[in-house]
Every structure is written in structure tokens, then in C-alpha cells.
N, C-alpha and C. Protein backbone atom coordinates (compact mmCIF):
# COMPACT_ATOMS: atom_id res chain seq x y z
N MET A 1 -5.36 44.57 -18.48
CA MET A 1 -5.79 43.44 -17.69
C MET A 1 -4.80 42.16 -17.69
N THR A 2 -4.50 41.62 -16.53
CA THR A 2 -3.39 40.47 -16.39
C THR A 2 -4.24 39.38 -16.32
N ASP A 3 -3.55 38.09 -16.80
CA ASP A 3 -4.27 36.84 -16.77
C ASP A 3 -3.58 36.21 -15.35
N GLU A 4 -4.61 36.28 -14.36
CA GLU A 4 -4.23 35.60 -13.29
C GLU A 4 -3.81 34.16 -13.19
N LYS A 5 -4.49 33.37 -14.07
CA LYS A 5 -4.11 32.01 -13.99
C LYS A 5 -2.74 31.94 -14.45
N SER A 6 -2.26 32.58 -15.47
CA SER A 6 -0.94 32.30 -15.87
C SER A 6 0.28 32.70 -14.98
N SER A 7 -0.13 33.51 -13.92
CA SER A 7 0.84 33.74 -12.84
C SER A 7 0.71 32.95 -11.65
N SER A 8 -0.30 32.11 -11.61
CA SER A 8 -0.45 31.18 -10.30
C SER A 8 0.37 29.88 -10.57
N GLY A 9 0.61 29.28 -9.57
CA GLY A 9 1.40 28.07 -9.41
C GLY A 9 0.31 27.04 -9.13
N ASP A 10 -0.99 27.29 -9.01
CA ASP A 10 -1.87 26.31 -8.72
C ASP A 10 -2.27 25.30 -9.52
N GLY A 11 -1.89 25.67 -10.83
CA GLY A 11 -2.41 24.61 -11.97
C GLY A 11 -1.98 23.17 -11.62
N ALA A 12 -0.84 22.92 -11.01
CA ALA A 12 -0.32 21.55 -10.79
C ALA A 12 -1.32 20.88 -9.98
N GLU A 13 -2.01 21.59 -9.11
CA GLU A 13 -3.04 20.73 -8.21
C GLU A 13 -4.10 20.04 -9.00
N ASP A 14 -4.24 20.40 -10.22
CA ASP A 14 -5.34 19.87 -10.99
C ASP A 14 -4.72 18.68 -11.83
N VAL A 15 -3.39 18.41 -11.80
CA VAL A 15 -2.86 17.24 -12.56
C VAL A 15 -2.82 16.10 -11.57
N PRO A 16 -3.55 14.97 -12.13
CA PRO A 16 -3.48 13.65 -11.30
C PRO A 16 -2.13 13.34 -10.93
N PRO A 17 -1.96 12.70 -9.73
CA PRO A 17 -0.65 12.42 -9.34
C PRO A 17 0.01 11.38 -10.33
N GLU A 18 -0.61 10.49 -10.88
CA GLU A 18 -0.03 9.61 -11.81
C GLU A 18 0.54 10.17 -13.12
N ASP A 19 -0.03 11.41 -13.43
CA ASP A 19 0.61 12.19 -14.61
C ASP A 19 1.57 13.04 -14.35
N MET A 20 1.98 13.25 -13.06
CA MET A 20 3.01 14.15 -12.78
C MET A 20 4.41 13.76 -13.37
N LYS A 21 5.11 14.50 -13.74
CA LYS A 21 6.45 14.35 -14.36
C LYS A 21 7.37 13.68 -13.44
N ALA A 22 8.11 12.59 -13.81
CA ALA A 22 9.01 12.14 -13.18
C ALA A 22 10.35 12.72 -13.10
N SER A 23 10.99 12.78 -11.98
CA SER A 23 12.30 13.42 -11.79
C SER A 23 13.49 12.44 -11.90
N HIS A 24 14.65 13.11 -12.07
CA HIS A 24 15.87 12.18 -12.00
C HIS A 24 15.89 11.30 -10.80
N ALA A 25 15.68 11.89 -9.57
CA ALA A 25 15.63 11.42 -8.30
C ALA A 25 14.62 10.09 -8.28
N ASP A 26 13.36 10.38 -8.94
CA ASP A 26 12.31 9.30 -9.02
C ASP A 26 13.07 8.04 -9.80
N ARG A 27 13.65 8.32 -10.86
CA ARG A 27 14.00 7.31 -11.80
C ARG A 27 15.10 6.65 -11.10
N ASP A 28 16.03 7.25 -10.45
CA ASP A 28 17.15 6.69 -9.49
C ASP A 28 16.62 5.80 -8.53
N GLN A 29 15.51 6.28 -7.92
CA GLN A 29 15.02 5.35 -6.85
C GLN A 29 14.40 3.98 -7.35
N VAL A 30 13.72 4.14 -8.45
CA VAL A 30 13.22 3.06 -9.03
C VAL A 30 14.26 2.07 -9.57
N VAL A 31 15.35 2.57 -10.13
CA VAL A 31 16.33 1.82 -10.65
C VAL A 31 16.96 0.93 -9.33
N GLU A 32 17.27 1.62 -8.37
CA GLU A 32 17.74 0.99 -7.06
C GLU A 32 16.70 -0.08 -6.51
N ILE A 33 15.41 0.05 -6.75
CA ILE A 33 14.55 -0.97 -6.20
C ILE A 33 14.66 -2.00 -7.02
N LEU A 34 14.81 -1.93 -8.35
CA LEU A 34 15.03 -3.06 -9.36
C LEU A 34 16.28 -3.80 -9.19
N ARG A 35 17.29 -3.08 -8.93
CA ARG A 35 18.58 -3.84 -8.71
C ARG A 35 18.56 -4.63 -7.50
N ASP A 36 18.01 -4.03 -6.46
CA ASP A 36 17.82 -4.84 -5.22
C ASP A 36 16.84 -6.15 -5.43
N ALA A 37 15.84 -5.97 -6.20
CA ALA A 37 15.16 -7.02 -6.47
C ALA A 37 15.74 -8.21 -7.24
N ALA A 38 16.58 -7.90 -8.36
CA ALA A 38 17.30 -8.76 -9.00
C ALA A 38 18.19 -9.46 -8.18
N GLY A 39 19.03 -8.70 -7.23
CA GLY A 39 19.87 -9.33 -6.22
C GLY A 39 19.26 -10.38 -5.35
N ASP A 40 17.93 -10.15 -5.08
CA ASP A 40 17.20 -11.08 -4.18
C ASP A 40 16.66 -12.31 -4.93
N GLY A 41 16.96 -12.32 -6.38
CA GLY A 41 16.34 -13.34 -7.20
C GLY A 41 14.81 -13.14 -7.73
N ARG A 42 14.32 -12.05 -7.47
CA ARG A 42 13.09 -11.72 -7.95
C ARG A 42 12.93 -11.40 -9.39
N LEU A 43 13.99 -10.87 -10.08
CA LEU A 43 13.92 -10.48 -11.32
C LEU A 43 15.09 -11.29 -12.15
N THR A 44 14.89 -11.76 -13.28
CA THR A 44 15.97 -12.24 -13.97
C THR A 44 16.92 -11.14 -14.66
N THR A 45 18.06 -11.48 -15.02
CA THR A 45 19.01 -10.38 -15.78
C THR A 45 18.11 -9.74 -16.84
N GLU A 46 17.45 -10.40 -17.68
CA GLU A 46 16.64 -9.92 -18.68
C GLU A 46 15.73 -9.06 -18.29
N GLU A 47 14.93 -9.44 -17.17
CA GLU A 47 13.81 -8.71 -16.71
C GLU A 47 14.45 -7.22 -16.16
N LEU A 48 15.52 -7.54 -15.43
CA LEU A 48 16.22 -6.31 -14.80
C LEU A 48 16.61 -5.42 -16.03
N GLU A 49 17.32 -5.68 -16.90
CA GLU A 49 17.64 -4.85 -18.17
C GLU A 49 16.51 -4.25 -18.64
N GLU A 50 15.45 -4.95 -19.10
CA GLU A 50 14.26 -4.30 -19.53
C GLU A 50 13.58 -3.30 -18.70
N ARG A 51 13.45 -3.59 -17.40
CA ARG A 51 12.79 -2.60 -16.50
C ARG A 51 13.71 -1.35 -16.15
N VAL A 52 15.10 -1.64 -16.26
CA VAL A 52 15.84 -0.34 -15.99
C VAL A 52 15.94 0.52 -17.23
N ALA A 53 15.85 -0.12 -18.32
CA ALA A 53 15.71 0.76 -19.53
C ALA A 53 14.42 1.54 -19.59
N ALA A 54 13.35 0.80 -19.19
CA ALA A 54 12.01 1.52 -19.18
C ALA A 54 12.06 2.71 -18.03
N ALA A 55 12.66 2.50 -16.98
CA ALA A 55 12.84 3.35 -15.91
C ALA A 55 13.56 4.67 -16.22
N LEU A 56 14.60 4.55 -16.92
CA LEU A 56 15.34 5.59 -17.38
C LEU A 56 14.71 6.42 -18.53
N ALA A 57 13.83 5.87 -19.28
CA ALA A 57 13.06 6.47 -20.19
C ALA A 57 11.77 6.87 -19.74
N ALA A 58 11.27 6.67 -18.42
CA ALA A 58 10.09 7.07 -17.99
C ALA A 58 9.85 8.55 -18.02
N ARG A 59 8.54 9.04 -18.29
CA ARG A 59 8.31 10.36 -18.37
C ARG A 59 7.40 10.65 -17.14
N THR A 60 6.52 9.80 -16.60
CA THR A 60 5.63 10.21 -15.45
C THR A 60 5.77 9.29 -14.43
N ILE A 61 5.20 9.60 -13.28
CA ILE A 61 5.10 8.84 -12.22
C ILE A 61 4.48 7.48 -12.41
N ASP A 62 3.50 7.51 -13.25
CA ASP A 62 2.76 6.21 -13.43
C ASP A 62 3.44 5.41 -14.18
N ASP A 63 4.38 5.74 -15.09
CA ASP A 63 5.23 4.92 -15.92
C ASP A 63 6.22 4.19 -14.94
N LEU A 64 6.81 4.79 -13.90
CA LEU A 64 7.53 4.19 -12.97
C LEU A 64 6.88 3.39 -12.04
N ALA A 65 5.70 3.57 -11.53
CA ALA A 65 5.01 2.91 -10.64
C ALA A 65 4.75 1.46 -11.21
N GLY A 66 4.50 1.45 -12.58
CA GLY A 66 4.16 0.09 -13.00
C GLY A 66 5.41 -0.93 -13.02
N LEU A 67 6.50 -0.35 -12.89
CA LEU A 67 7.71 -1.17 -12.93
C LEU A 67 8.11 -1.83 -11.65
N THR A 68 7.24 -1.36 -10.50
CA THR A 68 7.79 -1.75 -9.15
C THR A 68 6.71 -2.23 -8.38
N ARG A 69 5.49 -2.33 -8.93
CA ARG A 69 4.26 -2.57 -8.18
C ARG A 69 4.23 -3.87 -7.74
N ASP A 70 4.90 -4.93 -8.29
CA ASP A 70 5.09 -6.34 -7.83
C ASP A 70 6.25 -6.59 -6.98
N LEU A 71 6.94 -5.44 -6.54
CA LEU A 71 8.09 -5.78 -5.94
C LEU A 71 8.12 -5.13 -4.55
N PRO A 72 8.66 -5.84 -3.46
CA PRO A 72 8.77 -5.18 -2.12
C PRO A 72 9.92 -4.38 -2.23
N VAL A 73 9.88 -3.23 -1.21
CA VAL A 73 10.87 -2.31 -1.10
C VAL A 73 12.12 -2.83 -0.14
N SER A 74 13.25 -2.61 -0.54
CA SER A 74 14.45 -3.00 0.41
C SER A 74 14.28 -2.39 1.73
N PRO A 75 14.98 -2.93 2.79
CA PRO A 75 14.96 -2.22 4.14
C PRO A 75 15.35 -0.84 4.00
N SER A 76 14.88 -0.09 4.92
CA SER A 76 15.14 1.40 4.95
C SER A 76 14.91 1.86 6.34
N PRO A 77 15.17 3.05 6.55
CA PRO A 77 14.97 3.69 7.94
C PRO A 77 13.44 3.39 8.35
N THR A 78 12.65 3.46 7.35
CA THR A 78 11.09 3.16 7.74
C THR A 78 10.75 1.70 7.40
N ASP A 79 11.73 0.88 7.58
CA ASP A 79 11.34 -0.63 7.22
C ASP A 79 10.32 -1.01 8.20
N PRO A 80 9.20 -1.55 7.89
CA PRO A 80 8.11 -2.04 8.77
C PRO A 80 8.69 -3.05 9.84
N SER A 81 9.80 -3.74 9.63
CA SER A 81 10.19 -4.80 10.52
C SER A 81 10.57 -4.06 12.01
N THR A 82 10.82 -2.78 12.00
CA THR A 82 11.15 -2.09 13.11
C THR A 82 9.89 -1.41 13.68
N TRP A 83 8.63 -1.67 13.30
CA TRP A 83 7.59 -1.04 13.83
C TRP A 83 7.21 -1.63 15.08
N SER A 84 7.17 -0.69 16.25
CA SER A 84 7.05 -1.02 17.72
C SER A 84 6.48 0.01 18.36
N GLU A 85 6.73 1.20 17.83
CA GLU A 85 6.28 2.46 18.64
C GLU A 85 4.62 2.51 18.62
N ASP A 86 4.17 3.37 19.50
CA ASP A 86 2.62 3.72 19.26
C ASP A 86 2.22 4.41 18.26
N VAL A 87 3.12 5.24 17.70
CA VAL A 87 2.68 5.99 16.48
C VAL A 87 3.81 5.79 15.41
N VAL A 88 3.42 5.20 14.34
CA VAL A 88 4.41 4.97 13.25
C VAL A 88 4.07 5.90 12.02
N GLU A 89 4.95 6.38 11.38
CA GLU A 89 4.90 7.21 10.11
C GLU A 89 5.64 6.60 9.16
N ILE A 90 5.10 6.34 7.88
CA ILE A 90 5.80 5.77 6.76
C ILE A 90 5.43 6.67 5.50
N ASN A 91 6.51 7.18 4.94
CA ASN A 91 6.37 7.91 3.75
C ASN A 91 7.20 7.24 2.62
N GLN A 92 6.69 6.65 1.62
CA GLN A 92 7.33 5.77 0.77
C GLN A 92 6.97 6.01 -0.82
N ARG A 93 7.88 6.02 -1.50
CA ARG A 93 7.68 6.16 -3.11
C ARG A 93 8.07 4.81 -3.88
N PHE A 94 7.19 4.42 -4.63
CA PHE A 94 7.22 2.99 -5.38
C PHE A 94 7.46 1.78 -4.63
N GLY A 95 7.42 0.63 -5.28
CA GLY A 95 7.46 -0.45 -4.57
C GLY A 95 6.24 -0.91 -3.86
N THR A 96 5.99 -2.15 -3.10
CA THR A 96 5.01 -2.44 -2.35
C THR A 96 5.23 -2.46 -0.95
N LEU A 97 4.36 -1.88 -0.15
CA LEU A 97 4.69 -1.71 1.34
C LEU A 97 3.80 -3.02 1.85
N HIS A 98 4.34 -4.04 2.37
CA HIS A 98 3.60 -5.29 2.83
C HIS A 98 4.34 -5.55 4.22
N ARG A 99 3.23 -5.97 5.05
CA ARG A 99 3.54 -6.33 6.34
C ARG A 99 2.89 -7.54 6.75
N SER A 100 3.47 -8.54 7.25
CA SER A 100 2.76 -9.86 7.47
C SER A 100 3.47 -10.54 8.62
N GLY A 101 2.99 -11.66 9.06
CA GLY A 101 3.56 -12.35 10.16
C GLY A 101 3.52 -11.72 11.45
N SER A 102 4.32 -11.77 12.45
CA SER A 102 4.01 -11.37 13.84
C SER A 102 4.62 -9.96 13.99
N TRP A 103 4.26 -9.08 13.33
CA TRP A 103 4.51 -7.66 13.42
C TRP A 103 3.63 -7.01 14.53
N GLU A 104 4.11 -6.03 15.13
CA GLU A 104 3.52 -5.46 16.40
C GLU A 104 2.63 -4.27 15.89
N VAL A 105 1.17 -4.27 16.18
CA VAL A 105 0.40 -3.19 15.71
C VAL A 105 0.46 -2.06 16.65
N PRO A 106 0.70 -0.76 15.99
CA PRO A 106 0.88 0.45 16.83
C PRO A 106 -0.52 0.79 17.10
N ARG A 107 -0.63 1.93 17.84
CA ARG A 107 -1.95 2.56 18.16
C ARG A 107 -2.35 3.50 17.00
N ARG A 108 -1.53 4.13 16.23
CA ARG A 108 -1.66 4.81 15.10
C ARG A 108 -0.70 4.69 14.07
N LEU A 109 -1.14 4.54 12.77
CA LEU A 109 -0.24 4.30 11.60
C LEU A 109 -0.54 5.35 10.56
N ASP A 110 0.46 6.19 10.21
CA ASP A 110 0.31 7.17 9.19
C ASP A 110 1.04 6.65 8.00
N ILE A 111 0.37 6.29 6.82
CA ILE A 111 0.94 6.01 5.65
C ILE A 111 0.74 6.82 4.40
N ARG A 112 1.98 7.18 3.92
CA ARG A 112 1.96 8.05 2.68
C ARG A 112 2.61 7.15 1.52
N MET A 113 1.80 6.57 0.58
CA MET A 113 2.48 5.75 -0.39
C MET A 113 2.16 6.41 -1.69
N HIS A 114 3.31 6.52 -2.43
CA HIS A 114 3.09 7.04 -3.92
C HIS A 114 3.77 6.12 -4.74
N GLY A 115 2.99 5.66 -5.65
CA GLY A 115 3.34 4.79 -6.79
C GLY A 115 3.54 3.23 -6.25
N GLY A 116 2.64 2.70 -5.39
CA GLY A 116 2.48 1.35 -5.09
C GLY A 116 1.58 1.00 -4.21
N ASP A 117 1.36 -0.34 -3.84
CA ASP A 117 0.33 -0.67 -3.04
C ASP A 117 0.72 -0.82 -1.60
N VAL A 118 -0.29 -0.98 -0.59
CA VAL A 118 -0.14 -1.12 0.65
C VAL A 118 -0.86 -2.33 1.14
N LYS A 119 -0.25 -3.45 1.86
CA LYS A 119 -1.02 -4.53 2.05
C LYS A 119 -0.56 -4.82 3.55
N LEU A 120 -1.46 -4.93 4.50
CA LEU A 120 -1.26 -5.24 5.89
C LEU A 120 -1.95 -6.34 6.40
N ASP A 121 -1.27 -7.33 6.70
CA ASP A 121 -2.01 -8.75 7.03
C ASP A 121 -1.86 -8.76 8.64
N PHE A 122 -3.15 -8.66 9.30
CA PHE A 122 -3.27 -8.87 10.64
C PHE A 122 -3.57 -10.23 11.20
N THR A 123 -3.46 -11.24 10.37
CA THR A 123 -3.81 -12.50 10.93
C THR A 123 -2.89 -13.08 11.99
N GLU A 124 -1.63 -12.74 11.92
CA GLU A 124 -0.65 -13.20 12.88
C GLU A 124 -0.02 -12.18 13.57
N ALA A 125 -0.49 -10.94 13.59
CA ALA A 125 -0.07 -9.60 14.27
C ALA A 125 -0.10 -9.76 15.69
N VAL A 126 0.92 -9.00 16.26
CA VAL A 126 0.83 -9.08 17.71
C VAL A 126 -0.21 -7.71 18.15
N ILE A 127 -1.25 -7.88 18.63
CA ILE A 127 -2.23 -7.00 19.01
C ILE A 127 -2.17 -6.71 20.61
N SER A 128 -1.60 -5.41 20.77
CA SER A 128 -1.56 -4.91 22.18
C SER A 128 -2.65 -3.92 22.59
N HIS A 129 -3.30 -3.34 21.57
CA HIS A 129 -4.30 -2.29 21.78
C HIS A 129 -5.63 -2.60 20.93
N ASP A 130 -6.55 -2.21 21.57
CA ASP A 130 -7.98 -2.59 21.01
C ASP A 130 -8.31 -1.65 19.86
N VAL A 131 -7.62 -0.60 19.49
CA VAL A 131 -7.90 0.32 18.41
C VAL A 131 -6.60 0.70 17.73
N LEU A 132 -6.79 0.59 16.28
CA LEU A 132 -5.81 1.11 15.55
C LEU A 132 -6.34 2.25 14.45
N ASP A 133 -5.87 3.59 14.72
CA ASP A 133 -6.18 4.56 13.72
C ASP A 133 -5.20 4.63 12.66
N LEU A 134 -5.76 4.14 11.44
CA LEU A 134 -4.91 4.03 10.22
C LEU A 134 -5.24 5.17 9.30
N ASP A 135 -4.29 6.07 9.00
CA ASP A 135 -4.54 7.22 8.12
C ASP A 135 -3.67 6.98 6.94
N ALA A 136 -4.34 6.77 5.89
CA ALA A 136 -3.61 6.25 4.59
C ALA A 136 -3.87 7.20 3.34
N TYR A 137 -2.86 7.65 2.72
CA TYR A 137 -3.02 8.26 1.46
C TYR A 137 -2.07 7.63 0.49
N VAL A 138 -2.87 7.05 -0.42
CA VAL A 138 -2.12 6.19 -1.47
C VAL A 138 -2.58 6.64 -2.86
N SER A 139 -1.66 6.96 -3.61
CA SER A 139 -1.67 7.54 -5.05
C SER A 139 -1.33 6.83 -6.16
N VAL A 140 -1.54 7.14 -7.29
CA VAL A 140 -1.00 6.59 -8.58
C VAL A 140 -1.58 5.25 -8.54
N GLY A 141 -2.93 4.98 -8.46
CA GLY A 141 -3.59 3.81 -8.75
C GLY A 141 -3.22 2.67 -7.80
N GLY A 142 -2.66 2.93 -6.52
CA GLY A 142 -2.34 2.00 -5.51
C GLY A 142 -3.67 1.53 -4.75
N ASN A 143 -3.51 0.25 -4.30
CA ASN A 143 -4.57 -0.13 -3.42
C ASN A 143 -4.18 -0.23 -2.09
N LEU A 144 -5.12 -0.26 -1.15
CA LEU A 144 -4.97 -0.46 0.24
C LEU A 144 -5.65 -1.80 0.62
N VAL A 145 -4.94 -3.01 0.92
CA VAL A 145 -5.40 -4.28 1.11
C VAL A 145 -5.15 -4.56 2.69
N LEU A 146 -6.40 -4.84 3.32
CA LEU A 146 -6.10 -5.28 4.85
C LEU A 146 -6.69 -6.76 4.84
N VAL A 147 -5.79 -7.62 5.38
CA VAL A 147 -6.10 -9.07 5.64
C VAL A 147 -6.41 -9.29 7.00
N VAL A 148 -7.67 -9.54 7.30
CA VAL A 148 -7.87 -9.82 8.82
C VAL A 148 -8.65 -11.26 8.95
N LYS A 149 -8.64 -11.44 10.38
CA LYS A 149 -9.32 -12.79 10.87
C LYS A 149 -10.54 -12.32 11.55
N PRO A 150 -11.45 -13.18 11.80
CA PRO A 150 -12.57 -12.84 12.83
C PRO A 150 -12.31 -12.22 14.14
N GLY A 151 -12.90 -11.20 14.56
CA GLY A 151 -12.36 -10.44 15.69
C GLY A 151 -11.67 -9.38 15.43
N ILE A 152 -11.35 -8.96 14.20
CA ILE A 152 -10.78 -7.63 13.81
C ILE A 152 -11.68 -7.05 12.94
N GLU A 153 -12.07 -5.71 13.33
CA GLU A 153 -13.25 -5.16 12.60
C GLU A 153 -12.41 -3.91 11.96
N VAL A 154 -12.93 -3.67 10.74
CA VAL A 154 -12.48 -2.46 10.05
C VAL A 154 -13.53 -1.54 9.77
N VAL A 155 -13.43 -0.22 10.07
CA VAL A 155 -14.28 0.72 9.78
C VAL A 155 -13.85 1.72 8.81
N THR A 156 -14.51 1.91 7.53
CA THR A 156 -13.93 2.74 6.59
C THR A 156 -14.79 3.87 6.24
N ASP A 157 -15.48 4.31 7.24
CA ASP A 157 -16.48 5.38 6.98
C ASP A 157 -15.70 6.73 6.66
N ASP A 158 -14.37 6.88 7.13
CA ASP A 158 -13.71 8.29 7.00
C ASP A 158 -12.67 8.15 5.84
N VAL A 159 -12.75 7.19 5.08
CA VAL A 159 -11.65 7.12 3.98
C VAL A 159 -12.41 7.47 2.70
N THR A 160 -11.77 8.21 1.87
CA THR A 160 -12.26 8.70 0.55
C THR A 160 -11.55 8.06 -0.49
N VAL A 161 -12.35 7.38 -1.39
CA VAL A 161 -11.74 6.53 -2.51
C VAL A 161 -12.07 7.32 -3.84
N GLY A 162 -11.17 7.46 -4.70
CA GLY A 162 -11.38 8.29 -5.86
C GLY A 162 -12.08 7.48 -6.98
N VAL A 163 -11.23 7.02 -7.84
CA VAL A 163 -11.69 5.99 -8.91
C VAL A 163 -12.27 4.74 -8.52
N GLY A 164 -11.46 4.04 -7.32
CA GLY A 164 -11.92 2.72 -7.21
C GLY A 164 -13.05 2.65 -6.08
N GLU A 165 -13.08 1.67 -5.16
CA GLU A 165 -14.11 1.36 -4.24
C GLU A 165 -13.78 0.84 -3.11
N VAL A 166 -14.60 0.76 -2.20
CA VAL A 166 -14.26 0.05 -0.77
C VAL A 166 -15.10 -1.35 -1.12
N LYS A 167 -14.13 -2.53 -0.70
CA LYS A 167 -14.63 -3.81 -1.02
C LYS A 167 -14.44 -4.60 0.36
N ASP A 168 -15.48 -4.68 1.14
CA ASP A 168 -15.28 -5.44 2.63
C ASP A 168 -16.04 -6.69 2.34
N ARG A 169 -15.14 -7.86 2.22
CA ARG A 169 -15.69 -9.25 2.07
C ARG A 169 -15.79 -9.85 3.20
N THR A 170 -15.77 -9.23 4.41
CA THR A 170 -15.87 -9.93 5.73
C THR A 170 -17.07 -9.58 6.55
N LEU A 171 -17.96 -8.72 5.89
CA LEU A 171 -19.08 -8.32 6.81
C LEU A 171 -20.05 -9.38 7.15
N SER A 172 -20.31 -10.38 6.32
CA SER A 172 -21.33 -11.36 6.57
C SER A 172 -20.75 -12.65 7.02
N SER A 173 -19.49 -12.71 7.29
CA SER A 173 -18.86 -13.95 7.79
C SER A 173 -18.24 -14.12 9.18
N ASP A 174 -18.33 -12.98 9.84
CA ASP A 174 -17.57 -12.97 11.14
C ASP A 174 -18.35 -13.49 12.27
N GLY A 175 -19.68 -13.29 12.21
CA GLY A 175 -20.70 -13.84 13.04
C GLY A 175 -20.53 -12.97 14.41
N ASP A 176 -20.49 -13.64 15.57
CA ASP A 176 -20.57 -13.00 16.82
C ASP A 176 -19.09 -13.00 17.59
N VAL A 177 -18.11 -13.26 16.77
CA VAL A 177 -16.90 -13.27 17.35
C VAL A 177 -16.66 -11.99 18.04
N PRO A 178 -15.97 -12.04 19.34
CA PRO A 178 -15.65 -10.70 20.01
C PRO A 178 -14.72 -9.90 19.28
N VAL A 179 -14.77 -8.66 19.31
CA VAL A 179 -13.80 -7.71 18.50
C VAL A 179 -12.68 -7.52 19.50
N VAL A 180 -11.44 -7.88 18.94
CA VAL A 180 -10.25 -7.58 19.78
C VAL A 180 -9.37 -6.44 19.14
N LEU A 181 -9.81 -6.12 17.92
CA LEU A 181 -9.17 -5.00 17.40
C LEU A 181 -10.06 -4.26 16.38
N ARG A 182 -10.25 -3.04 16.64
CA ARG A 182 -10.95 -2.09 15.65
C ARG A 182 -9.95 -1.22 14.94
N VAL A 183 -10.02 -1.33 13.61
CA VAL A 183 -9.22 -0.59 12.64
C VAL A 183 -10.07 0.58 11.97
N ASN A 184 -9.62 1.86 12.43
CA ASN A 184 -10.35 2.86 11.91
C ASN A 184 -9.61 3.59 10.68
N VAL A 185 -10.09 3.46 9.45
CA VAL A 185 -9.31 3.60 8.36
C VAL A 185 -9.91 5.20 7.92
N ALA A 186 -8.98 6.07 7.70
CA ALA A 186 -9.13 7.40 7.29
C ALA A 186 -8.25 7.71 6.13
N GLY A 187 -8.31 8.80 5.45
CA GLY A 187 -7.34 9.06 4.53
C GLY A 187 -8.00 9.26 3.13
N ARG A 188 -7.22 9.18 2.06
CA ARG A 188 -7.62 9.09 0.72
C ARG A 188 -6.80 8.10 -0.18
N ILE A 189 -7.61 7.44 -0.90
CA ILE A 189 -7.06 6.50 -1.84
C ILE A 189 -7.42 6.94 -3.34
N ARG A 190 -6.35 7.34 -4.11
CA ARG A 190 -6.68 7.83 -5.41
C ARG A 190 -6.38 6.80 -6.48
N GLY A 191 -7.35 6.46 -7.18
CA GLY A 191 -7.22 5.55 -8.25
C GLY A 191 -7.23 3.94 -8.03
N GLY A 192 -7.29 3.68 -6.81
CA GLY A 192 -7.19 2.33 -6.37
C GLY A 192 -8.41 1.88 -5.40
N ASP A 193 -8.40 0.68 -4.94
CA ASP A 193 -9.51 0.21 -4.13
C ASP A 193 -8.89 -0.03 -2.63
N VAL A 194 -10.00 0.13 -1.71
CA VAL A 194 -9.70 -0.42 -0.27
C VAL A 194 -10.29 -1.69 -0.04
N VAL A 195 -9.46 -2.80 0.08
CA VAL A 195 -10.10 -4.25 0.21
C VAL A 195 -9.94 -4.58 1.44
N VAL A 196 -10.76 -5.24 2.11
CA VAL A 196 -10.76 -5.75 3.38
C VAL A 196 -11.28 -7.36 3.13
N ARG A 197 -10.33 -8.29 3.55
CA ARG A 197 -10.75 -9.60 3.31
C ARG A 197 -10.09 -10.62 4.31
N HIS A 198 -10.42 -11.93 4.46
CA HIS A 198 -9.78 -12.79 5.13
C HIS A 198 -8.68 -13.57 4.34
N PRO A 199 -7.73 -14.21 4.88
CA PRO A 199 -6.58 -14.73 4.03
C PRO A 199 -7.24 -15.70 3.07
N ARG A 200 -6.46 -16.00 1.92
CA ARG A 200 -7.01 -16.91 0.86
C ARG A 200 -6.56 -18.39 1.54
N ARG A 201 -7.45 -19.30 1.09
CA ARG A 201 -7.23 -20.58 1.56
C ARG A 201 -6.01 -21.29 0.72
N THR A 202 -5.29 -22.11 1.56
CA THR A 202 -4.28 -22.64 0.72
C THR A 202 -4.71 -23.81 -0.23
N LEU A 203 -3.85 -24.55 -0.94
CA LEU A 203 -4.56 -25.57 -1.73
C LEU A 203 -5.17 -26.72 -1.06
N GLY A 204 -4.29 -27.07 0.09
CA GLY A 204 -4.75 -28.26 1.08
C GLY A 204 -6.08 -27.85 1.66
N GLN A 205 -6.23 -26.62 2.08
CA GLN A 205 -7.54 -26.14 2.68
C GLN A 205 -8.62 -26.25 1.78
N TRP A 206 -8.30 -25.82 0.57
CA TRP A 206 -9.25 -25.82 -0.70
C TRP A 206 -9.82 -27.18 -0.85
N VAL A 207 -8.83 -28.21 -0.93
CA VAL A 207 -9.10 -29.64 -1.19
C VAL A 207 -10.12 -30.11 -0.23
N ARG A 208 -9.68 -29.73 1.04
CA ARG A 208 -10.42 -30.37 2.21
C ARG A 208 -11.61 -29.63 2.57
N GLY A 209 -12.02 -28.53 1.96
CA GLY A 209 -13.11 -27.75 2.14
C GLY A 209 -13.02 -27.01 3.42
N GLU A 210 -11.81 -26.62 3.86
CA GLU A 210 -11.62 -26.03 5.18
C GLU A 210 -11.57 -24.44 4.96
N SER A 211 -11.88 -23.83 6.10
CA SER A 211 -11.85 -22.28 6.17
C SER A 211 -10.23 -21.99 6.38
N SER A 212 -10.03 -20.74 5.82
CA SER A 212 -8.59 -20.23 5.96
C SER A 212 -8.43 -19.61 7.31
N VAL A 213 -9.51 -19.38 8.03
CA VAL A 213 -9.19 -18.77 9.47
C VAL A 213 -10.06 -19.77 10.43
């Protein structure tokens, strides 16, 4: 009798993404992100040296993800500044995918993020469609954060969250504002949260008791 499990390659499917072994390419990519961040003034020389050493010694994807989670990724062929098509696909490893300002919202946005957070700020976005289908797969403890203003409705019924949870902090505050954009979120978030919130108040707004939107 043969042991079918020993001959199958399916065992890796049971390994959480954060525990997967890091490759040389993974380490090299993180080192490149770190060096770009230092060149932009985000890391000191000492921080760069410390993180590069940690990246070269990293054994798992989770080890690498922690070194870049607070850093944006340098421009690439999938740089969000080029988003203008009706359908946009983003496949990124490490760093933080962050879009804010007057970016153009597509009809459909497919995101695959491995080893970092995704933050989409819609408060100043250019909205040309009334519906955005957002299909997101975020692994290794990453979070999906959607910053919205009244009039932007987020539906999370079709997204699956592993260890984390869905936190919608806008449900009781938007009142009867007409909906100008409906964001339908689907996909899977493994290990992190889905957070829907309004922008945080500035210090001046906080002192004056003003709303952020």
C-alpha cells in the first residue's frame, strides 16, 4: 500500500501564506523597496542597514512583509497613478498600495496584494461611474482600508475575512445623502481587517469641533 499523501503536492495548500518560505526573488524585491524608501528620505541610513540585513536573513513571507508594511511601493508598470481604464488589475508583493487625491475610479478593480496593506481613499477621487466592483485578495495579515465620504456606499456582503473582521464605521453617519458611488467588495482578506471609514479630522478641525467631511 502506498501513502498517497506523500506523493501529493497538495500539502502546501494547507500552509498559511504568511508561513510560506521566502525565495531569493522575494528578498531581492524587499531590498529594492527598502533602498527606494531610503532614497526618498523615508528611512535613515541606520534603518536601511537594519532592515536590509533582516530581509536577507528572512525565512518566511511574513518576515519580509513586516519590513515594508509602512512603506509605499515605488512606481512600476502597475503604478496607481496610471489608473484610468475601465478595468484595472494590480498584482503586487510587499509594500503598501495606497491611492488618494484625484485618482480616477475605474468600473472594476482587481487587486492581488501579498505582504502589505491596501488603502483606497475616495474622498477626492474622480467618479465617472456609479458602481465600482472591487475584487480584492489580500494575504499575510494585510488590511483593506476604504476611506469614503457621504454619498459613497460600500457593500461587503461578498468579501470573506479570515482572522480579522469587517469594520464599517460609516453606517450610522451618512444619513440621507444621495449615493453617487456604490463599491461592491468581493474576494478574500486573510489575516487582516476590512475597514470602511471617513477621513480622520485634522488637528484644526478637531480643535474647532468640525467634521472631517
